[in-house]
């Protein structure tokens, strides 16, 4: 890139390792190199820095977060680029306070650093790059305990194993008390309440900090338990999170809350498939029918929601309705069934991880694989015809 793009720009480099590549990538700029605890570094410059380059390995996360917090308090506030991998949550949260920032993976190339710096110095907004072709499936339970979270986990695991290299993510949008993290024995790193202050800053780097790779081979996005989460997290933050995730992941599974939220209709409108999960009880089937009708009335141009019957068992195990009786109560055909296997489901929940990990021969695993295959190979054509 021409030196004119960086001529007379003042660059503060935090971490000696970045200084050489910075000088090569940003010709014409004026550099100063400092350590992570030297900020007050701006006070030693003849003028405030235009851009701060930070080596994520130059200090511990708490010190880096403190440094970024100091940058946020600067006037004028400089742009910042953090160079490193596996961004700690405390650092990611600090970056949300900056108006202009970006993250580059290590090792960073000269062209990438030059392009990123030029965009930030030109007051770029950090808009995501080219549109990424992804599939987004939303899963809702008709009643509490119908099995929506279990289906979401098993679908994510199935897709991660089936697609051989595609990136798969499960987003638990039960923001107050989601169970996906507990089912998978995983941490909950998605701090959407903090991101709500500046939702436009949610990007691929922040997604990396919010996500946790779990045993099923996919990334989990789950919020820490907070009874006030739905009032703290703005619709803009939820929608920006999903927009960013669709740019990064090939498959996105959304475990939605039963209770209607201000962002629910927008999420469903942007979904490629909508699955309503019902138990084989009359109240659950009636609730599934009502929920499906509500979605169809609100989103008439979208494909019909698909109804999945969970815990299907033979009549010898109790007075549950048959599939035919269930379809009569629903007023439509069902789109998939999951055989009841209480031992496999409870074992998996207790041990932490998908059922396919602990009980790979379970009928649940077989049935979910069949549902996924149907959605992938035949779902779109039938959905469009139904609409």
Protein backbone atom coordinates (compact mmCIF):
# COMPACT_ATOMS: atom_id res chain seq x y z
CA UNK A 1 0.00 0.00 0.00
CA UNK A 2 1.25 3.49 -0.79
CA UNK A 3 3.02 5.42 1.96
CA UNK A 4 0.60 8.27 1.29
CA UNK A 5 -2.12 6.37 3.15
CA UNK A 6 -0.11 6.54 6.40
CA UNK A 7 1.99 9.67 5.90
CA UNK A 8 2.46 11.56 9.17
CA UNK A 9 0.09 9.22 11.00
CA UNK A 10 1.17 8.64 14.58
CA UNK A 11 1.23 4.97 15.51
CA UNK A 12 1.74 3.72 19.07
CA UNK A 13 2.92 0.10 19.10
CA UNK A 14 2.41 -1.88 22.31
CA UNK A 15 4.88 -4.75 22.26
CA UNK A 16 8.29 -4.82 20.65
CA UNK A 17 7.44 -7.82 18.43
CA UNK A 18 5.00 -5.77 16.37
CA UNK A 19 7.32 -2.88 15.67
CA UNK A 20 9.17 -4.37 12.68
CA UNK A 21 6.09 -5.58 10.82
CA UNK A 22 4.27 -2.33 11.61
CA UNK A 23 7.04 -0.27 10.04
CA UNK A 24 6.96 -2.47 6.93
CA UNK A 25 3.16 -2.51 6.61
CA UNK A 26 2.55 1.18 7.35
CA UNK A 27 5.22 3.13 5.45
CA UNK A 28 5.40 6.83 6.09
CA UNK A 29 3.90 6.66 9.59
CA UNK A 30 5.60 7.91 12.76
CA UNK A 31 6.05 5.16 15.35
CA UNK A 32 6.55 4.92 19.07
CA UNK A 33 6.98 1.57 20.84
CA UNK A 34 5.92 1.00 24.45
CA UNK A 35 5.04 -1.77 26.87
CA UNK A 36 1.51 -2.64 28.08
CA UNK A 37 1.94 -0.67 31.33
CA UNK A 38 3.46 2.38 29.66
CA UNK A 39 0.19 4.00 28.68
CA UNK A 40 0.47 7.20 29.73
CA UNK A 41 2.37 6.37 26.50
CA UNK A 42 0.31 8.98 24.65
CA UNK A 43 1.54 11.71 26.95
CA UNK A 44 5.06 11.18 25.65
CA UNK A 45 4.01 11.66 22.03
CA UNK A 46 4.23 15.04 20.40
CA UNK A 47 0.58 14.62 19.47
CA UNK A 48 -2.12 12.04 20.31
CA UNK A 49 -1.79 8.69 18.53
CA UNK A 50 -4.00 8.09 15.51
CA UNK A 51 -3.70 4.31 15.82
CA UNK A 52 -2.55 1.93 18.55
CA UNK A 53 -1.25 -1.52 17.60
CA UNK A 54 -1.41 -3.99 20.49
CA UNK A 55 0.38 -7.32 20.67
CA UNK A 56 -1.99 -9.59 22.64
CA UNK A 57 1.04 -11.49 23.89
CA UNK A 58 2.71 -8.41 25.32
CA UNK A 59 0.96 -8.65 28.69
CA UNK A 60 -1.59 -10.54 30.74
CA UNK A 61 -5.30 -10.07 29.83
CA UNK A 62 -6.09 -7.85 32.81
CA UNK A 63 -3.26 -5.48 31.94
CA UNK A 64 -4.28 -5.36 28.30
CA UNK A 65 -7.90 -4.67 29.28
CA UNK A 66 -6.71 -1.82 31.50
CA UNK A 67 -4.67 -0.40 28.64
CA UNK A 68 -7.65 -0.55 26.26
CA UNK A 69 -9.80 1.08 28.92
CA UNK A 70 -7.29 3.95 29.09
CA UNK A 71 -7.48 4.30 25.31
CA UNK A 72 -11.26 4.57 25.54
CA UNK A 73 -10.88 7.49 27.94
CA UNK A 74 -8.47 9.34 25.64
CA UNK A 75 -9.57 12.45 23.81
CA UNK A 76 -9.44 12.19 20.89
CA UNK A 77 -9.87 8.45 21.06
CA UNK A 78 -7.44 6.57 18.78
CA UNK A 79 -8.29 3.58 16.64
CA UNK A 80 -6.84 0.27 17.84
CA UNK A 81 -5.81 -3.07 16.34
CA UNK A 82 -5.23 -6.07 18.59
CA UNK A 83 -3.03 -8.77 17.10
CA UNK A 84 -3.41 -12.22 18.64
CA UNK A 85 -5.47 -15.42 18.80
CA UNK A 86 -8.10 -16.74 21.25
CA UNK A 87 -9.15 -13.38 22.60
CA UNK A 88 -9.86 -13.48 26.38
CA UNK A 89 -13.34 -12.32 27.38
CA UNK A 90 -12.00 -9.49 29.57
CA UNK A 91 -10.09 -8.08 26.58
CA UNK A 92 -13.05 -8.46 24.23
CA UNK A 93 -15.31 -6.61 26.64
CA UNK A 94 -12.76 -3.80 26.88
CA UNK A 95 -12.66 -3.48 23.08
CA UNK A 96 -16.40 -2.78 23.07
CA UNK A 97 -15.63 0.59 24.65
CA UNK A 98 -13.64 1.72 21.61
CA UNK A 99 -15.40 3.37 18.69
CA UNK A 100 -12.94 2.03 16.12
CA UNK A 101 -11.13 -1.25 16.68
CA UNK A 102 -10.36 -4.55 15.00
CA UNK A 103 -8.59 -7.83 15.72
CA UNK A 104 -6.11 -9.66 13.50
CA UNK A 105 -5.02 -13.25 13.95
CA UNK A 106 -1.41 -14.12 14.68
CA UNK A 107 0.80 -14.38 12.64
CA UNK A 108 -0.39 -11.26 10.85
CA UNK A 109 0.52 -10.57 7.24
CA UNK A 110 1.71 -7.22 5.93
CA UNK A 111 -1.24 -6.79 3.51
CA UNK A 112 -3.82 -7.63 6.20
CA UNK A 113 -2.32 -5.17 8.67
CA UNK A 114 -2.11 -2.44 6.01
CA UNK A 115 -5.72 -2.93 4.88
CA UNK A 116 -7.05 -3.02 8.43
CA UNK A 117 -5.13 0.08 9.48
CA UNK A 118 -6.18 2.00 6.38
CA UNK A 119 -9.85 1.18 6.99
CA UNK A 120 -9.71 2.31 10.63
CA UNK A 121 -7.74 5.46 9.86
CA UNK A 122 -10.28 6.30 7.18
CA UNK A 123 -12.91 6.09 9.93
CA UNK A 124 -14.24 2.81 8.56
CA UNK A 125 -17.08 1.27 10.51
CA UNK A 126 -15.74 -2.27 10.56
CA UNK A 127 -18.62 -3.52 8.45
CA UNK A 128 -18.47 -7.24 7.76
CA UNK A 129 -17.06 -8.30 4.44
CA UNK A 130 -18.70 -10.25 1.64
CA UNK A 131 -21.97 -12.07 2.33
CA UNK A 132 -21.42 -15.63 3.54
CA UNK A 133 -23.82 -18.38 2.52
CA UNK A 134 -25.06 -19.91 5.76
CA UNK A 135 -28.05 -21.91 6.96
CA UNK A 136 -29.94 -20.77 10.05
CA UNK A 137 -32.37 -23.15 11.80
CA UNK A 138 -34.53 -21.94 14.70
CA UNK A 139 -35.87 -24.41 17.27
CA UNK A 140 -38.77 -23.63 19.63
CA UNK A 141 -40.43 -25.80 22.27
CA UNK A 142 -44.21 -25.73 22.24
CA UNK A 143 -44.26 -26.20 26.02
CA UNK A 144 -41.62 -26.24 28.72
CA UNK A 145 -39.57 -29.42 28.74
CA UNK A 146 -40.59 -30.50 25.25
CA UNK A 147 -36.96 -31.06 24.28
CA UNK A 148 -36.02 -28.06 22.14
CA UNK A 149 -32.60 -27.69 23.74
CA UNK A 150 -31.82 -31.39 23.36
CA UNK A 151 -32.84 -31.31 19.70
CA UNK A 152 -30.72 -28.18 19.12
CA UNK A 153 -27.66 -29.87 20.63
CA UNK A 154 -28.10 -33.09 18.69
CA UNK A 155 -28.73 -31.27 15.41
CA UNK A 156 -25.57 -29.21 15.92
CA UNK A 157 -23.58 -32.37 16.67
CA UNK A 158 -25.03 -34.15 13.64
CA UNK A 159 -24.19 -31.26 11.32
CA UNK A 160 -20.68 -30.91 12.73
CA UNK A 161 -20.02 -34.60 12.06
CA UNK A 162 -21.84 -34.77 8.73
CA UNK A 163 -20.40 -31.73 6.99
CA UNK A 164 -16.72 -32.52 7.57
CA UNK A 165 -15.16 -29.11 7.96
CA UNK A 166 -18.12 -26.73 7.87
CA UNK A 167 -18.31 -24.45 10.90
CA UNK A 168 -21.35 -25.09 13.10
CA UNK A 169 -22.60 -23.00 16.02
CA UNK A 170 -25.43 -23.32 18.53
CA UNK A 171 -26.72 -20.05 19.97
CA UNK A 172 -28.78 -20.38 23.17
CA UNK A 173 -31.14 -17.41 23.05
CA UNK A 174 -32.75 -18.36 26.36
CA UNK A 175 -30.74 -15.42 27.70
CA UNK A 176 -31.90 -15.54 31.32
CA UNK A 177 -31.65 -19.24 32.13
CA UNK A 178 -30.59 -21.20 29.07
CA UNK A 179 -29.75 -24.86 29.69
CA UNK A 180 -27.49 -25.65 26.71
CA UNK A 181 -24.29 -24.85 28.61
CA UNK A 182 -25.32 -27.04 31.54
CA UNK A 183 -26.31 -29.92 29.22
CA UNK A 184 -22.92 -29.74 27.55
CA UNK A 185 -20.88 -29.15 30.71
CA UNK A 186 -19.62 -25.93 29.17
CA UNK A 187 -18.86 -22.39 30.31
CA UNK A 188 -21.20 -19.52 29.37
CA UNK A 189 -19.10 -16.79 27.75
CA UNK A 190 -21.64 -14.74 25.80
CA UNK A 191 -21.85 -11.35 27.54
CA UNK A 192 -24.54 -9.81 25.36
CA UNK A 193 -25.61 -7.33 28.03
CA UNK A 194 -22.19 -5.67 27.80
CA UNK A 195 -22.29 -5.73 24.01
CA UNK A 196 -25.69 -4.01 24.02
CA UNK A 197 -23.98 -0.70 24.72
CA UNK A 198 -22.30 -0.83 21.29
CA UNK A 199 -23.87 -3.61 19.19
CA UNK A 200 -22.14 -2.37 16.04
CA UNK A 201 -18.86 -3.57 17.56
CA UNK A 202 -19.96 -7.22 17.53
CA UNK A 203 -17.71 -8.82 14.94
CA UNK A 204 -15.82 -12.04 14.26
CA UNK A 205 -13.26 -11.27 16.96
CA UNK A 206 -15.92 -10.79 19.62
CA UNK A 207 -17.69 -13.95 18.47
CA UNK A 208 -14.46 -15.83 19.15
CA UNK A 209 -14.46 -14.51 22.72
CA UNK A 210 -18.16 -15.27 23.24
CA UNK A 211 -17.98 -18.86 21.96
CA UNK A 212 -16.82 -22.11 23.55
CA UNK A 213 -15.88 -25.20 21.52
CA UNK A 214 -17.78 -28.17 22.97
CA UNK A 215 -17.46 -31.92 22.70
CA UNK A 216 -19.85 -32.25 19.78
CA UNK A 217 -17.42 -30.43 17.50
CA UNK A 218 -19.34 -27.16 17.33
CA UNK A 219 -19.18 -23.74 19.00
CA UNK A 220 -21.64 -22.84 21.76
CA UNK A 221 -22.86 -19.32 22.48
CA UNK A 222 -24.56 -19.15 25.88
CA UNK A 223 -25.13 -16.34 28.38
CA UNK A 224 -24.40 -16.61 32.11
CA UNK A 225 -27.58 -17.01 34.14
CA UNK A 226 -29.18 -13.64 34.85
CA UNK A 227 -32.91 -13.23 35.63
CA UNK A 228 -32.79 -9.68 34.20
CA UNK A 229 -31.00 -10.62 30.97
CA UNK A 230 -33.99 -10.07 28.68
CA UNK A 231 -34.31 -6.49 29.90
CA UNK A 232 -30.56 -5.84 29.66
CA UNK A 233 -29.93 -7.22 26.17
CA UNK A 234 -31.21 -5.03 23.35
CA UNK A 235 -32.79 -6.36 20.15
CA UNK A 236 -30.00 -4.64 18.23
CA UNK A 237 -27.39 -6.70 20.07
CA UNK A 238 -29.21 -10.00 19.41
CA UNK A 239 -29.70 -9.28 15.73
CA UNK A 240 -26.15 -8.01 15.24
CA UNK A 241 -24.81 -11.14 16.96
CA UNK A 242 -26.73 -13.37 14.56
CA UNK A 243 -25.77 -11.25 11.57
CA UNK A 244 -22.10 -11.58 12.48
CA UNK A 245 -22.46 -15.30 13.19
CA UNK A 246 -24.01 -15.90 9.77
CA UNK A 247 -20.88 -14.40 8.24
CA UNK A 248 -18.60 -16.75 10.18
CA UNK A 249 -20.50 -20.05 10.42
CA UNK A 250 -21.89 -22.33 7.75
CA UNK A 251 -24.64 -23.70 10.03
CA UNK A 252 -26.35 -21.78 12.82
CA UNK A 253 -28.73 -23.49 15.26
CA UNK A 254 -30.83 -21.15 17.41
CA UNK A 255 -32.44 -22.43 20.62
CA UNK A 256 -35.23 -19.87 21.08
CA UNK A 257 -37.19 -19.11 24.26
CA UNK A 258 -40.89 -19.92 24.30
CA UNK A 259 -41.78 -16.45 25.55
CA UNK A 260 -42.08 -13.87 22.77
CA UNK A 261 -39.30 -11.26 22.77
CA UNK A 262 -39.05 -7.99 20.80
CA UNK A 263 -36.57 -9.67 18.44
CA UNK A 264 -38.37 -13.03 17.99
CA UNK A 265 -40.19 -12.17 14.76
CA UNK A 266 -37.03 -10.79 13.16
CA UNK A 267 -35.06 -13.91 14.10
CA UNK A 268 -37.75 -16.22 12.71
CA UNK A 269 -38.04 -14.13 9.54
CA UNK A 270 -34.33 -14.61 8.94
CA UNK A 271 -34.37 -18.35 9.56
CA UNK A 272 -34.13 -20.92 6.78
CA UNK A 273 -35.98 -23.52 8.86
CA UNK A 274 -38.26 -23.21 11.89
CA UNK A 275 -38.76 -26.32 14.03
CA UNK A 276 -41.50 -26.52 16.66
CA UNK A 277 -40.88 -29.33 19.15
CA UNK A 278 -43.84 -30.97 20.90
CA UNK A 279 -44.35 -33.73 23.41
CA UNK A 280 -47.02 -36.37 22.85
CA UNK A 281 -49.52 -34.87 25.26
CA UNK A 282 -52.73 -33.15 24.25
CA UNK A 283 -51.78 -29.78 25.87
CA UNK A 284 -48.40 -29.83 24.12
CA UNK A 285 -49.92 -30.71 20.75
CA UNK A 286 -52.50 -27.94 21.06
CA UNK A 287 -49.75 -25.50 22.01
CA UNK A 288 -47.67 -26.61 19.00
CA UNK A 289 -50.64 -26.09 16.70
CA UNK A 290 -51.32 -22.63 18.11
CA UNK A 291 -47.65 -21.62 17.92
CA UNK A 292 -47.35 -22.79 14.32
CA UNK A 293 -50.47 -20.85 13.33
CA UNK A 294 -49.13 -17.72 15.04
CA UNK A 295 -45.84 -17.93 13.15
CA UNK A 296 -47.58 -18.53 9.83
CA UNK A 297 -49.92 -15.58 10.39
CA UNK A 298 -47.05 -13.27 11.32
CA UNK A 299 -44.70 -14.46 8.58
CA UNK A 300 -46.95 -15.46 5.67
CA UNK A 301 -44.11 -15.31 3.14
CA UNK A 302 -41.96 -17.82 5.01
CA UNK A 303 -42.07 -21.61 4.88
CA UNK A 304 -44.38 -23.39 7.28
CA UNK A 305 -42.85 -24.28 10.65
CA UNK A 306 -41.95 -27.96 10.86
CA UNK A 307 -43.37 -29.89 13.81
CA UNK A 308 -41.17 -32.47 15.48
CA UNK A 309 -42.72 -34.98 17.88
CA UNK A 310 -40.36 -35.81 20.73
CA UNK A 311 -40.33 -38.86 23.02
CA UNK A 312 -42.32 -41.03 20.64
CA UNK A 313 -43.02 -44.40 22.24
CA UNK A 314 -45.11 -47.50 21.56
CA UNK A 315 -48.58 -47.58 23.06
CA UNK A 316 -47.47 -50.32 25.46
CA UNK A 317 -45.54 -47.70 27.42
CA UNK A 318 -48.55 -45.59 28.29
CA UNK A 319 -51.68 -43.85 27.01
CA UNK A 320 -49.84 -41.35 24.80
CA UNK A 321 -51.49 -40.48 21.46
CA UNK A 322 -50.32 -42.33 18.38
CA UNK A 323 -48.71 -40.45 15.51
CA UNK A 324 -51.99 -40.45 13.62
CA UNK A 325 -53.88 -39.08 16.63
CA UNK A 326 -51.18 -36.46 17.14
CA UNK A 327 -51.47 -35.32 13.53
CA UNK A 328 -55.24 -35.08 13.94
CA UNK A 329 -54.80 -32.85 16.99
CA UNK A 330 -52.23 -30.76 15.12
CA UNK A 331 -54.34 -30.47 12.00
CA UNK A 332 -51.31 -31.33 9.84
CA UNK A 333 -48.67 -33.93 9.16
CA UNK A 334 -45.66 -34.02 11.43
CA UNK A 335 -42.24 -33.52 9.88
CA UNK A 336 -40.20 -35.79 12.12
CA UNK A 337 -40.31 -37.95 15.22
CA UNK A 338 -37.75 -38.66 17.93
CA UNK A 339 -38.05 -41.98 19.72
CA UNK A 340 -38.18 -41.89 23.50
CA UNK A 341 -34.91 -42.97 25.14
CA UNK A 342 -34.94 -41.58 28.65
CA UNK A 343 -31.84 -43.47 29.78
CA UNK A 344 -29.68 -42.08 26.97
CA UNK A 345 -30.96 -38.52 27.41
CA UNK A 346 -30.50 -38.47 31.19
CA UNK A 347 -27.07 -40.11 30.98
CA UNK A 348 -25.91 -37.48 28.51
CA UNK A 349 -27.26 -34.61 30.60
CA UNK A 350 -25.62 -35.94 33.75
CA UNK A 351 -22.23 -36.54 32.12
CA UNK A 352 -22.26 -33.36 30.04
CA UNK A 353 -22.18 -33.61 26.26
CA UNK A 354 -24.40 -34.63 23.35
CA UNK A 355 -26.24 -37.94 23.40
CA UNK A 356 -24.28 -39.04 20.35
CA UNK A 357 -21.11 -38.79 22.41
CA UNK A 358 -22.26 -40.98 25.32
CA UNK A 359 -24.89 -43.17 23.66
CA UNK A 360 -24.07 -43.18 19.92
CA UNK A 361 -26.41 -46.13 19.28
CA UNK A 362 -29.41 -44.41 20.81
CA UNK A 363 -32.52 -44.16 18.66
CA UNK A 364 -32.49 -40.42 19.42
CA UNK A 365 -29.22 -40.07 17.51
CA UNK A 366 -30.64 -42.03 14.58
CA UNK A 367 -33.85 -40.03 14.47
CA UNK A 368 -32.14 -36.63 14.70
CA UNK A 369 -29.78 -37.63 11.90
CA UNK A 370 -32.81 -38.47 9.75
CA UNK A 371 -34.41 -35.10 10.53
CA UNK A 372 -31.20 -33.27 9.63
CA UNK A 373 -30.86 -35.20 6.38
CA UNK A 374 -34.44 -34.43 5.44
CA UNK A 375 -33.98 -30.72 6.13
CA UNK A 376 -30.76 -30.59 4.13
CA UNK A 377 -31.79 -32.63 1.11
CA UNK A 378 -35.50 -32.00 0.77
CA UNK A 379 -36.51 -29.32 3.20
CA UNK A 380 -36.13 -26.24 1.05
CA UNK A 381 -38.24 -27.40 -1.85
CA UNK A 382 -41.11 -28.57 0.33
CA UNK A 383 -40.92 -25.45 2.50
CA UNK A 384 -41.17 -23.17 -0.50
CA UNK A 385 -44.14 -25.15 -1.85
CA UNK A 386 -45.89 -25.00 1.51
CA UNK A 387 -45.51 -21.24 1.64
